[in-house]
């Protein structure tokens, strides 16, 4: 069983603290929803956990150690995540498989129920923001990483996408540690813990 421990994390810019004293511990099969008003630092906290942003104080541990290679531990998705738009979905899947980030094909992803074989071969630039968000979220949810960081995962998704998302979470949550960031009930309601940044 894996463990993620966040101890007294704080972040300030210039002389102003964005947040301080954030602590929690999660084991495999547990999750936490991080909520708060716009600009409170939800996304920043996820980026600190991953190691993309340096915290001002505190520490993050995976199995009692600092993470030296975060790409082996975490998988993250955000609305701003950029993918090579001239690539097709099939191209991206092959790329992720070659990097040992995923071991599942598009059928297991459930993508074939949402996209035709023709669409899977088209460049990503041909798709709507909702379709892209669903694909980016799938890449995170079905990665081999033990910890998933989901920043507003339902951004731009329709009701069909939301149902797919919830089914995915229910299918994998027992084997993952999941951090949700957002304020929509349907994004975070499956979390086992809750923290609000004020």
Protein backbone atom coordinates (compact mmCIF):
# COMPACT_ATOMS: atom_id res chain seq x y z
CA UNK A 1 0.00 0.00 0.00
CA UNK A 2 1.33 3.41 -0.98
CA UNK A 3 1.16 6.57 1.12
CA UNK A 4 1.20 10.26 0.23
CA UNK A 5 1.97 12.68 3.05
CA UNK A 6 1.66 16.46 2.72
CA UNK A 7 3.12 18.24 5.75
CA UNK A 8 2.49 21.91 6.56
CA UNK A 9 2.66 23.09 2.96
CA UNK A 10 2.62 26.82 2.42
CA UNK A 11 3.14 29.08 -0.57
CA UNK A 12 3.69 32.82 -0.71
CA UNK A 13 4.30 35.27 -3.50
CA UNK A 14 6.38 38.30 -2.53
CA UNK A 15 5.13 39.11 0.98
CA UNK A 16 1.64 37.57 0.72
CA UNK A 17 0.75 34.00 1.67
CA UNK A 18 -1.49 32.18 -0.77
CA UNK A 19 -2.06 29.41 1.79
CA UNK A 20 -0.29 27.89 4.80
CA UNK A 21 -0.35 24.86 7.09
CA UNK A 22 -1.95 22.40 4.67
CA UNK A 23 -1.43 18.83 5.83
CA UNK A 24 -3.00 15.49 5.00
CA UNK A 25 -2.06 11.84 4.58
CA UNK A 26 -3.61 9.42 2.09
CA UNK A 27 -3.17 5.71 1.49
CA UNK A 28 -4.02 3.68 -1.62
CA UNK A 29 -7.80 3.64 -2.03
CA UNK A 30 -8.21 7.08 -0.43
CA UNK A 31 -8.77 10.44 -2.05
CA UNK A 32 -9.18 14.10 -1.16
CA UNK A 33 -11.15 16.95 -2.67
CA UNK A 34 -9.44 20.33 -2.54
CA UNK A 35 -11.96 23.17 -2.76
CA UNK A 36 -11.80 26.93 -2.41
CA UNK A 37 -12.68 30.17 -4.16
CA UNK A 38 -11.09 31.12 -7.48
CA UNK A 39 -7.49 32.10 -6.90
CA UNK A 40 -7.25 30.33 -3.54
CA UNK A 41 -4.43 28.08 -4.73
CA UNK A 42 -6.09 24.75 -5.55
CA UNK A 43 -4.15 24.28 -8.77
CA UNK A 44 -0.96 25.54 -7.16
CA UNK A 45 -1.26 22.95 -4.41
CA UNK A 46 -1.54 20.13 -6.97
CA UNK A 47 1.48 21.52 -8.80
CA UNK A 48 3.46 21.62 -5.54
CA UNK A 49 2.58 17.99 -4.84
CA UNK A 50 3.80 17.03 -8.31
CA UNK A 51 6.92 19.15 -8.00
CA UNK A 52 6.12 21.62 -10.78
CA UNK A 53 6.01 24.52 -8.30
CA UNK A 54 8.32 24.96 -5.30
CA UNK A 55 6.58 25.35 -1.96
CA UNK A 56 7.64 28.12 0.43
CA UNK A 57 7.45 25.83 3.44
CA UNK A 58 6.59 22.24 4.29
CA UNK A 59 7.30 18.97 2.52
CA UNK A 60 5.70 16.23 0.41
CA UNK A 61 6.56 12.56 0.88
CA UNK A 62 5.68 9.41 -1.04
CA UNK A 63 6.19 6.29 1.05
CA UNK A 64 8.14 8.34 3.60
CA UNK A 65 10.61 9.70 1.04
CA UNK A 66 10.94 12.79 -1.11
CA UNK A 67 10.08 12.15 -4.75
CA UNK A 68 13.08 12.36 -7.07
CA UNK A 69 11.28 11.32 -10.26
CA UNK A 70 7.71 12.66 -10.04
CA UNK A 71 6.82 11.40 -13.51
CA UNK A 72 7.04 7.85 -12.11
CA UNK A 73 4.71 8.60 -9.20
CA UNK A 74 2.17 11.15 -10.42
CA UNK A 75 -0.09 11.69 -13.38
CA UNK A 76 -1.77 15.07 -13.69
CA UNK A 77 -4.48 16.59 -15.86
CA UNK A 78 -5.54 20.22 -16.04
CA UNK A 79 -7.66 22.21 -18.50
CA UNK A 80 -4.45 23.97 -19.57
CA UNK A 81 -2.53 20.74 -20.27
CA UNK A 82 -1.10 20.99 -23.77
CA UNK A 83 -0.92 18.07 -26.17
CA UNK A 84 0.66 18.03 -29.65
CA UNK A 85 -2.36 19.11 -31.66
CA UNK A 86 -1.09 17.67 -34.95
CA UNK A 87 -1.05 14.20 -33.37
CA UNK A 88 -4.05 11.89 -33.37
CA UNK A 89 -5.47 10.17 -30.29
CA UNK A 90 -3.90 6.92 -31.50
CA UNK A 91 -0.53 8.68 -31.84
CA UNK A 92 -0.74 10.00 -28.28
CA UNK A 93 -1.71 6.59 -26.91
CA UNK A 94 1.30 5.00 -28.63
CA UNK A 95 3.56 7.76 -27.25
CA UNK A 96 2.32 7.26 -23.70
CA UNK A 97 2.72 3.50 -24.03
CA UNK A 98 6.31 3.93 -25.27
CA UNK A 99 7.03 6.07 -22.19
CA UNK A 100 5.51 3.38 -19.95
CA UNK A 101 2.88 5.84 -18.74
CA UNK A 102 -0.03 3.62 -19.74
CA UNK A 103 -0.46 -0.03 -20.59
CA UNK A 104 -4.07 0.05 -21.76
CA UNK A 105 -5.47 0.54 -25.24
CA UNK A 106 -8.28 2.81 -26.38
CA UNK A 107 -10.91 0.09 -25.95
CA UNK A 108 -10.10 -0.25 -22.26
CA UNK A 109 -10.16 3.54 -21.94
CA UNK A 110 -13.76 3.45 -23.08
CA UNK A 111 -12.79 5.89 -25.80
CA UNK A 112 -14.20 3.68 -28.53
CA UNK A 113 -17.67 4.20 -27.08
CA UNK A 114 -17.22 7.96 -27.52
CA UNK A 115 -15.09 8.28 -30.64
CA UNK A 116 -15.19 6.46 -33.95
CA UNK A 117 -12.11 4.76 -35.41
CA UNK A 118 -11.99 7.60 -37.95
CA UNK A 119 -11.98 10.21 -35.18
CA UNK A 120 -9.24 8.36 -33.30
CA UNK A 121 -7.03 8.85 -36.37
CA UNK A 122 -7.74 12.56 -36.81
CA UNK A 123 -5.45 15.34 -35.48
CA UNK A 124 -6.43 16.63 -32.07
CA UNK A 125 -6.84 20.13 -33.52
CA UNK A 126 -10.08 18.91 -35.13
CA UNK A 127 -11.77 18.28 -31.77
CA UNK A 128 -13.85 20.45 -29.45
CA UNK A 129 -12.59 21.54 -26.04
CA UNK A 130 -14.91 19.03 -24.37
CA UNK A 131 -13.61 16.13 -26.45
CA UNK A 132 -10.02 17.14 -25.74
CA UNK A 133 -10.73 17.40 -22.02
CA UNK A 134 -12.20 13.91 -21.99
CA UNK A 135 -9.13 12.54 -23.73
CA UNK A 136 -6.69 14.36 -21.42
CA UNK A 137 -8.59 13.10 -18.40
CA UNK A 138 -8.49 9.54 -19.78
CA UNK A 139 -4.71 9.72 -20.16
CA UNK A 140 -4.46 10.60 -16.47
CA UNK A 141 -7.07 8.19 -15.11
CA UNK A 142 -5.65 5.18 -16.91
CA UNK A 143 -2.00 5.90 -16.35
CA UNK A 144 0.15 3.46 -14.41
CA UNK A 145 0.92 6.15 -11.81
CA UNK A 146 -0.07 5.37 -8.21
CA UNK A 147 -1.17 8.98 -7.58
CA UNK A 148 -3.58 10.93 -9.80
CA UNK A 149 -3.89 14.72 -9.66
CA UNK A 150 -7.14 15.94 -11.23
CA UNK A 151 -7.50 19.71 -11.64
CA UNK A 152 -11.07 20.59 -12.69
CA UNK A 153 -11.38 17.32 -14.61
CA UNK A 154 -14.92 18.02 -15.85
CA UNK A 155 -14.11 21.38 -17.43
CA UNK A 156 -16.02 21.65 -20.74
CA UNK A 157 -17.44 18.12 -20.48
CA UNK A 158 -21.06 17.34 -21.30
CA UNK A 159 -23.33 14.98 -19.32
CA UNK A 160 -22.12 11.94 -21.26
CA UNK A 161 -18.54 12.85 -20.40
CA UNK A 162 -19.43 13.33 -16.75
CA UNK A 163 -21.02 9.88 -16.56
CA UNK A 164 -17.95 8.34 -18.23
CA UNK A 165 -15.70 10.16 -15.73
CA UNK A 166 -17.61 8.92 -12.70
CA UNK A 167 -17.62 5.34 -14.02
CA UNK A 168 -13.84 5.57 -14.54
CA UNK A 169 -13.22 6.87 -11.03
CA UNK A 170 -15.36 4.13 -9.52
CA UNK A 171 -13.43 1.53 -11.51
CA UNK A 172 -9.94 2.61 -10.40
CA UNK A 173 -10.26 4.37 -7.04
CA UNK A 174 -9.45 1.31 -4.91
CA UNK A 175 -5.99 1.06 -6.48
CA UNK A 176 -5.03 4.74 -6.56
CA UNK A 177 -4.47 7.79 -4.41
CA UNK A 178 -6.49 10.61 -5.99
CA UNK A 179 -6.41 14.37 -5.44
CA UNK A 180 -9.34 16.30 -6.91
CA UNK A 181 -9.21 20.10 -7.24
CA UNK A 182 -12.42 21.93 -8.03
CA UNK A 183 -15.73 23.17 -6.72
CA UNK A 184 -18.26 21.29 -8.84
CA UNK A 185 -20.08 18.65 -6.81
CA UNK A 186 -19.90 16.10 -9.60
CA UNK A 187 -16.10 16.57 -9.84
CA UNK A 188 -15.34 15.96 -6.17
CA UNK A 189 -18.24 14.00 -4.67
CA UNK A 190 -16.40 10.67 -4.93
CA UNK A 191 -13.57 11.85 -2.68
CA UNK A 192 -13.17 10.20 0.72
CA UNK A 193 -11.76 13.38 2.35
CA UNK A 194 -12.22 17.12 1.92
CA UNK A 195 -10.02 20.16 2.50
CA UNK A 196 -10.99 23.76 1.79
CA UNK A 197 -8.44 26.46 1.11
CA UNK A 198 -9.73 29.72 2.60
